């Protein structure tokens, strides 16, 4: 609603592209899984599932 998610995804993608990786778009069909792994990374500081999810979209 406030644009923070879009800003964070843009920042993530700009870093990926700078590192020579492809831009990542989270498909609508995978939004629930994205939110689950993002929540775990954000709240529990467990980033492995988030990283695996993003890599699976590359």
C-alpha atoms as a PDB file:
ATOM      1  CA  UNK A   1       0.000   0.000   0.000  1.00  0.00           C
ATOM      2  CA  UNK A   2       2.729   2.460   0.927  1.00  0.00           C
ATOM      3  CA  UNK A   3       5.245   1.404  -1.712  1.00  0.00           C
ATOM      4  CA  UNK A   4       7.893   0.031   0.654  1.00  0.00           C
ATOM      5  CA  UNK A   5       7.656  -3.435  -0.909  1.00  0.00           C
ATOM      6  CA  UNK A   6       8.085  -2.048  -4.407  1.00  0.00           C
ATOM      7  CA  UNK A   7      11.027   0.037  -3.252  1.00  0.00           C
ATOM      8  CA  UNK A   8      12.655  -2.961  -1.534  1.00  0.00           C
ATOM      9  CA  UNK A   9      12.164  -5.188  -4.606  1.00  0.00           C
ATOM     10  CA  UNK A  10      13.590  -2.466  -6.853  1.00  0.00           C
ATOM     11  CA  UNK A  11      16.618  -2.108  -4.559  1.00  0.00           C
ATOM     12  CA  UNK A  12      17.107  -5.881  -4.473  1.00  0.00           C
ATOM     13  CA  UNK A  13      16.898  -6.056  -8.265  1.00  0.00           C
ATOM     14  CA  UNK A  14      19.291  -3.160  -8.779  1.00  0.00           C
ATOM     15  CA  UNK A  15      21.829  -4.989  -6.605  1.00  0.00           C
ATOM     16  CA  UNK A  16      21.262  -8.244  -8.492  1.00  0.00           C
ATOM     17  CA  UNK A  17      21.762  -6.532 -11.850  1.00  0.00           C
ATOM     18  CA  UNK A  18      24.869  -4.729 -10.582  1.00  0.00           C
ATOM     19  CA  UNK A  19      26.229  -8.133  -9.579  1.00  0.00           C
ATOM     20  CA  UNK A  20      25.608  -9.518 -13.060  1.00  0.00           C
ATOM     21  CA  UNK A  21      22.417 -11.431 -12.249  1.00  0.00           C
ATOM     22  CA  UNK A  22      19.002 -11.234 -13.898  1.00  0.00           C
ATOM     23  CA  UNK A  23      16.156  -9.029 -12.724  1.00  0.00           C
ATOM     24  CA  UNK A  24      13.661 -11.033 -10.625  1.00  0.00           C
ATOM     25  CA  UNK A  25       9.884 -10.689 -10.829  1.00  0.00           C
ATOM     26  CA  UNK A  26       7.756 -12.502  -8.250  1.00  0.00           C
ATOM     27  CA  UNK A  27       4.825 -14.045 -10.130  1.00  0.00           C
ATOM     28  CA  UNK A  28       1.398 -13.388  -8.653  1.00  0.00           C
ATOM     29  CA  UNK A  29       0.903 -17.156  -8.360  1.00  0.00           C
ATOM     30  CA  UNK A  30       3.877 -17.330  -5.982  1.00  0.00           C
ATOM     31  CA  UNK A  31       3.030 -14.290  -3.875  1.00  0.00           C
ATOM     32  CA  UNK A  32       1.931 -16.338  -0.853  1.00  0.00           C
ATOM     33  CA  UNK A  33       5.200 -18.271  -0.781  1.00  0.00           C
ATOM     34  CA  UNK A  34       7.139 -15.020  -1.247  1.00  0.00           C
ATOM     35  CA  UNK A  35       5.356 -13.470   1.719  1.00  0.00           C
ATOM     36  CA  UNK A  36       6.070 -16.551   3.862  1.00  0.00           C
ATOM     37  CA  UNK A  37       9.801 -16.592   3.186  1.00  0.00           C
ATOM     38  CA  UNK A  38      10.022 -12.808   3.450  1.00  0.00           C
ATOM     39  CA  UNK A  39       8.296 -12.879   6.837  1.00  0.00           C
ATOM     40  CA  UNK A  40      10.669 -15.541   8.107  1.00  0.00           C
ATOM     41  CA  UNK A  41      13.679 -13.570   6.889  1.00  0.00           C
ATOM     42  CA  UNK A  42      12.350 -10.362   8.359  1.00  0.00           C
ATOM     43  CA  UNK A  43      11.092 -11.590  11.739  1.00  0.00           C
ATOM     44  CA  UNK A  44      13.265 -14.619  12.485  1.00  0.00           C
ATOM     45  CA  UNK A  45      16.363 -13.437  10.582  1.00  0.00           C
ATOM     46  CA  UNK A  46      16.393 -16.802   8.768  1.00  0.00           C
ATOM     47  CA  UNK A  47      17.260 -15.783   5.227  1.00  0.00           C
ATOM     48  CA  UNK A  48      18.066 -19.136   3.629  1.00  0.00           C
ATOM     49  CA  UNK A  49      14.517 -19.861   2.392  1.00  0.00           C
ATOM     50  CA  UNK A  50      14.214 -16.314   1.053  1.00  0.00           C
ATOM     51  CA  UNK A  51      17.492 -16.626  -0.833  1.00  0.00           C
ATOM     52  CA  UNK A  52      16.501 -20.016  -2.252  1.00  0.00           C
ATOM     53  CA  UNK A  53      13.148 -18.605  -3.344  1.00  0.00           C
ATOM     54  CA  UNK A  54      14.734 -15.645  -5.127  1.00  0.00           C
ATOM     55  CA  UNK A  55      17.338 -17.868  -6.790  1.00  0.00           C
ATOM     56  CA  UNK A  56      14.552 -20.174  -8.006  1.00  0.00           C
ATOM     57  CA  UNK A  57      13.048 -17.227  -9.881  1.00  0.00           C
ATOM     58  CA  UNK A  58      16.285 -16.347 -11.688  1.00  0.00           C
END
